[in-house]
Amino acid sequence: MKRFKLIVAYDGTNYCGWQVQNNGKTIEGELNRCLSALLKEEIQVIGASRTDSGVHGKGNVAVFDSETRIPGEKISYALNQRLPDDIIVQKSEEVESDFHPRYCDTVKTYEYKILNRTFPDPMHRLYADFIHYPLNIEAMKKAATYLVGEHDFKSFCSAGAQVKSTVRTVYALDVEKDKEDVVHITITGNGFLYNMVRIIVGTLTRVGLGYGEPEDVKSILEACDRSKAGPTAPARGLTLVEIKY
């Protein structure tokens, strides 16, 4: 039995998230279905990050075990011929049998996009949130600085999450607006709580709209109370960019 690693890119618009569910199509479900048909075995992949419904991915990681004789680097070519157009394997390779995508030390990077202009742009409707009120980017940048480092991010975790600890480390959190009026919020850390990135975005957006000062983020963080933070930003603006091991 050999273990194979996949780097998977997907448009999450038409899926009920990554993890297999009974109520709709998922990224994991499509990978299982197409791999099982390709390899003539019952395949169940293990994903590194269980992204939510509507969230996109450029570099999610999955592994699976198989008896196949197909070289690891060739699996991506054969699999992409079977997968739907909105899921593409960027790379495949054989890895050590004990490699597990969720139990290794990782650095994850997410990007959230907000179209900030008077009118929406149909080209961004599936991949960015839309806010027509002007955002104060400098205030958002300053607010973001309070979240960099090792902190208890309980205020930025949806209720009901089952985790041993809500302490995480954010290595970088950048806010930039490009010439097309798209605000890019990029966050890199050693791991993220349930909805953590989207709640951070909702909190920074609230500051950008003038509902509070950048310094308020520090007290929100220290409160360890979800009700003190901003709303959870819509899923469509979020993309899992990269996972490094």
Protein backbone atom coordinates (compact mmCIF):
# COMPACT_ATOMS: atom_id res chain seq x y z
CA MET A 1 0.00 0.00 0.00
CA LYS A 2 1.37 3.39 -1.01
CA ARG A 3 0.36 6.90 0.05
CA PHE A 4 -0.12 9.71 -2.45
CA LYS A 5 -0.38 13.46 -1.93
CA LEU A 6 -2.50 15.82 -4.03
CA ILE A 7 -2.45 19.61 -4.23
CA VAL A 8 -6.00 20.59 -5.15
CA ALA A 9 -7.44 23.83 -6.57
CA TYR A 10 -11.18 24.37 -6.73
CA ASP A 11 -13.98 26.87 -7.19
CA GLY A 12 -16.16 26.23 -4.15
CA THR A 13 -19.25 28.03 -5.48
CA ASN A 14 -21.27 24.92 -6.31
CA TYR A 15 -20.13 22.75 -3.42
CA CYS A 16 -21.22 22.19 0.19
CA GLY A 17 -17.63 22.61 1.35
CA TRP A 18 -14.74 20.15 1.38
CA GLN A 19 -15.94 17.38 3.69
CA VAL A 20 -18.32 14.65 2.51
CA GLN A 21 -21.94 15.36 3.48
CA ASN A 22 -25.29 13.73 2.82
CA ASN A 23 -26.99 16.91 1.63
CA GLY A 24 -24.96 17.84 -1.43
CA LYS A 25 -21.80 17.67 -3.52
CA THR A 26 -18.45 18.26 -1.85
CA ILE A 27 -14.85 18.55 -3.03
CA GLU A 28 -13.85 15.48 -1.01
CA GLY A 29 -16.77 13.51 -2.42
CA GLU A 30 -15.81 14.30 -6.01
CA LEU A 31 -12.18 13.33 -5.39
CA ASN A 32 -13.28 10.04 -3.79
CA ARG A 33 -15.64 9.27 -6.66
CA CYS A 34 -13.18 9.99 -9.45
CA LEU A 35 -10.19 8.34 -7.77
CA SER A 36 -12.22 5.18 -7.05
CA ALA A 37 -13.28 4.98 -10.69
CA LEU A 38 -9.75 5.63 -11.95
CA LEU A 39 -7.92 3.21 -9.66
CA LYS A 40 -10.66 0.55 -9.42
CA GLU A 41 -10.43 0.69 -5.61
CA GLU A 42 -12.49 2.27 -2.84
CA ILE A 43 -10.61 5.51 -2.19
CA GLN A 44 -11.20 7.97 0.64
CA VAL A 45 -8.99 11.04 0.71
CA ILE A 46 -7.89 12.86 3.86
CA GLY A 47 -7.80 16.65 3.48
CA ALA A 48 -5.59 19.14 5.25
CA SER A 49 -8.27 21.84 5.57
CA ARG A 50 -12.05 21.33 5.63
CA THR A 51 -13.10 24.52 3.89
CA ASP A 52 -16.73 25.63 4.23
CA SER A 53 -19.46 25.80 1.62
CA GLY A 54 -18.61 28.44 -1.00
CA VAL A 55 -14.95 28.82 0.04
CA HIS A 56 -12.37 28.38 -2.72
CA GLY A 57 -8.96 26.71 -2.75
CA LYS A 58 -5.75 27.15 -4.70
CA GLY A 59 -3.54 24.84 -2.68
CA ASN A 60 -5.45 22.51 -0.38
CA VAL A 61 -3.66 19.24 0.33
CA ALA A 62 -5.11 15.72 0.40
CA VAL A 63 -3.67 12.23 0.71
CA PHE A 64 -4.97 8.75 -0.08
CA ASP A 65 -3.71 5.17 0.04
CA SER A 66 -3.72 2.86 -2.95
CA GLU A 67 -2.23 -0.30 -4.43
CA THR A 68 -2.00 1.33 -7.85
CA ARG A 69 1.08 0.98 -10.01
CA ILE A 70 0.52 4.39 -11.61
CA PRO A 71 3.50 6.64 -10.78
CA GLY A 72 2.55 9.33 -8.27
CA GLU A 73 3.36 12.21 -10.59
CA LYS A 74 1.09 10.78 -13.31
CA ILE A 75 -2.04 10.45 -11.19
CA SER A 76 -2.87 14.16 -11.54
CA TYR A 77 -3.01 13.90 -15.35
CA ALA A 78 -5.36 10.92 -15.32
CA LEU A 79 -7.50 12.26 -12.48
CA ASN A 80 -8.01 15.69 -14.06
CA GLN A 81 -9.62 14.02 -17.07
CA ARG A 82 -12.35 12.69 -14.78
CA LEU A 83 -12.85 15.57 -12.35
CA PRO A 84 -15.37 18.37 -13.04
CA ASP A 85 -13.95 21.57 -14.53
CA ASP A 86 -14.12 23.43 -11.19
CA ILE A 87 -11.75 20.99 -9.43
CA ILE A 88 -8.19 20.58 -10.72
CA VAL A 89 -5.28 18.68 -9.15
CA GLN A 90 -2.21 20.89 -9.49
CA LYS A 91 0.31 18.23 -8.46
CA SER A 92 0.44 14.60 -7.34
CA GLU A 93 3.27 12.61 -5.81
CA GLU A 94 4.02 9.59 -3.65
CA VAL A 95 4.89 10.41 -0.02
CA GLU A 96 5.95 8.52 3.09
CA SER A 97 3.27 6.20 4.45
CA ASP A 98 3.09 8.07 7.77
CA PHE A 99 2.56 11.52 6.22
CA HIS A 100 -0.73 13.01 7.47
CA PRO A 101 -1.86 16.40 6.13
CA ARG A 102 -3.54 17.50 9.37
CA TYR A 103 -1.06 16.26 11.97
CA CYS A 104 2.13 17.82 10.60
CA ASP A 105 3.39 21.31 11.39
CA THR A 106 2.07 23.65 8.73
CA VAL A 107 1.97 27.27 7.67
CA LYS A 108 -1.34 28.18 6.01
CA THR A 109 -2.13 31.26 3.95
CA TYR A 110 -5.64 32.52 3.22
CA GLU A 111 -6.72 35.48 1.12
CA TYR A 112 -10.01 37.34 1.40
CA LYS A 113 -11.19 39.72 -1.32
CA ILE A 114 -13.62 42.62 -1.00
CA LEU A 115 -14.76 44.65 -4.00
CA ASN A 116 -15.05 48.19 -2.61
CA ARG A 117 -16.65 50.53 -5.11
CA THR A 118 -20.00 52.14 -5.93
CA PHE A 119 -21.35 49.36 -8.13
CA PRO A 120 -20.71 45.59 -8.22
CA ASP A 121 -18.64 43.96 -10.95
CA PRO A 122 -20.11 40.69 -12.27
CA MET A 123 -16.60 39.32 -12.80
CA HIS A 124 -16.05 39.40 -9.02
CA ARG A 125 -19.47 38.25 -7.84
CA LEU A 126 -18.37 34.68 -7.01
CA TYR A 127 -14.92 35.43 -5.61
CA ALA A 128 -15.21 38.63 -3.56
CA ASP A 129 -17.56 40.21 -1.07
CA PHE A 130 -19.06 43.54 -2.19
CA ILE A 131 -19.15 46.64 0.01
CA HIS A 132 -20.18 49.93 -1.59
CA TYR A 133 -19.43 52.18 1.40
CA PRO A 134 -15.81 53.43 1.30
CA LEU A 135 -13.42 51.45 3.52
CA ASN A 136 -10.65 53.17 5.47
CA ILE A 137 -7.77 50.93 4.44
CA GLU A 138 -5.23 52.60 6.73
CA ALA A 139 -7.47 52.02 9.75
CA MET A 140 -7.86 48.36 8.74
CA LYS A 141 -4.08 48.00 8.41
CA LYS A 142 -3.54 49.42 11.88
CA ALA A 143 -6.24 47.19 13.36
CA ALA A 144 -4.62 44.15 11.75
CA THR A 145 -1.34 44.74 13.62
CA TYR A 146 -2.99 43.83 16.94
CA LEU A 147 -3.72 40.32 15.65
CA VAL A 148 -0.18 39.41 14.59
CA GLY A 149 1.64 37.06 16.97
CA GLU A 150 0.56 34.28 19.33
CA HIS A 151 -2.81 35.01 20.93
CA ASP A 152 -5.93 33.36 22.26
CA PHE A 153 -8.31 33.85 19.31
CA LYS A 154 -11.45 32.69 21.12
CA SER A 155 -13.21 35.95 20.16
CA PHE A 156 -12.62 35.01 16.52
CA CYS A 157 -13.97 31.46 16.66
CA SER A 158 -17.55 30.44 15.94
CA ALA A 159 -19.42 28.99 18.91
CA GLY A 160 -19.48 25.22 19.16
CA ALA A 161 -16.02 24.59 17.72
CA GLN A 162 -14.49 21.52 19.36
CA VAL A 163 -10.82 22.32 19.89
CA LYS A 164 -8.43 21.72 22.78
CA SER A 165 -6.99 25.23 22.57
CA THR A 166 -7.98 28.48 20.89
CA VAL A 167 -4.40 29.78 20.92
CA ARG A 168 -2.97 30.29 17.46
CA THR A 169 -0.06 32.21 15.91
CA VAL A 170 -0.57 34.68 13.07
CA TYR A 171 2.70 35.35 11.27
CA ALA A 172 1.44 38.04 8.91
CA LEU A 173 -1.81 39.92 8.25
CA ASP A 174 -1.78 42.37 5.34
CA VAL A 175 -4.49 44.66 3.94
CA GLU A 176 -4.03 46.21 0.48
CA LYS A 177 -6.34 47.77 -2.11
CA ASP A 178 -5.47 47.38 -5.79
CA LYS A 179 -6.24 49.56 -8.82
CA GLU A 180 -9.43 47.62 -9.54
CA ASP A 181 -10.86 48.56 -6.11
CA VAL A 182 -10.37 45.07 -4.72
CA VAL A 183 -9.22 44.91 -1.10
CA HIS A 184 -6.94 41.93 -0.47
CA ILE A 185 -6.70 40.70 3.12
CA THR A 186 -3.96 38.07 3.33
CA ILE A 187 -3.32 36.12 6.53
CA THR A 188 -0.65 33.53 7.27
CA GLY A 189 -0.54 31.43 10.43
CA ASN A 190 0.19 28.07 11.96
CA GLY A 191 -3.48 27.12 11.97
CA PHE A 192 -6.94 28.66 12.10
CA LEU A 193 -10.05 28.11 14.20
CA TYR A 194 -13.51 27.53 12.73
CA ASN A 195 -14.49 30.68 10.78
CA MET A 196 -11.50 32.53 12.29
CA VAL A 197 -10.39 34.19 9.06
CA ARG A 198 -13.90 35.28 8.09
CA ILE A 199 -14.55 36.72 11.59
CA ILE A 200 -11.23 38.60 11.44
CA VAL A 201 -12.27 40.01 8.08
CA GLY A 202 -15.68 41.00 9.44
CA THR A 203 -14.00 42.75 12.38
CA LEU A 204 -11.48 44.60 10.21
CA THR A 205 -14.28 45.61 7.85
CA ARG A 206 -16.27 47.05 10.73
CA VAL A 207 -13.25 49.21 11.64
CA GLY A 208 -12.87 50.20 7.98
CA LEU A 209 -16.48 51.37 7.93
CA GLY A 210 -15.91 53.55 10.99
CA TYR A 211 -17.71 51.40 13.55
CA GLY A 212 -14.95 51.54 16.14
CA GLU A 213 -11.28 52.39 16.27
CA PRO A 214 -8.32 50.20 15.27
CA GLU A 215 -7.31 49.97 18.93
CA ASP A 216 -10.63 48.27 19.72
CA VAL A 217 -9.32 45.09 18.14
CA LYS A 218 -6.88 44.66 21.01
CA SER A 219 -9.70 44.67 23.58
CA ILE A 220 -11.79 42.35 21.40
CA LEU A 221 -8.89 39.90 21.32
CA GLU A 222 -8.40 40.10 25.09
CA ALA A 223 -12.13 39.61 25.80
CA CYS A 224 -12.13 36.01 24.50
CA ASP A 225 -15.81 36.56 23.68
CA ARG A 226 -17.20 35.91 20.18
CA SER A 227 -19.97 38.49 20.69
CA LYS A 228 -17.38 41.29 20.89
CA ALA A 229 -15.97 40.69 17.40
CA GLY A 230 -17.47 41.61 14.05
CA PRO A 231 -19.74 39.53 11.80
CA THR A 232 -18.58 36.48 9.87
CA ALA A 233 -17.75 37.65 6.35
CA PRO A 234 -19.43 35.78 3.45
CA ALA A 235 -17.71 32.59 2.29
CA ARG A 236 -17.35 33.54 -1.39
CA GLY A 237 -14.55 36.02 -0.72
CA LEU A 238 -12.26 33.46 0.94
CA THR A 239 -9.58 31.35 -0.75
CA LEU A 240 -7.15 28.90 0.83
CA VAL A 241 -4.00 29.93 -1.04
CA GLU A 242 -1.27 27.65 0.23
CA ILE A 243 -0.27 25.08 2.85
CA LYS A 244 3.44 24.65 3.58
CA TYR A 245 4.86 21.72 5.54
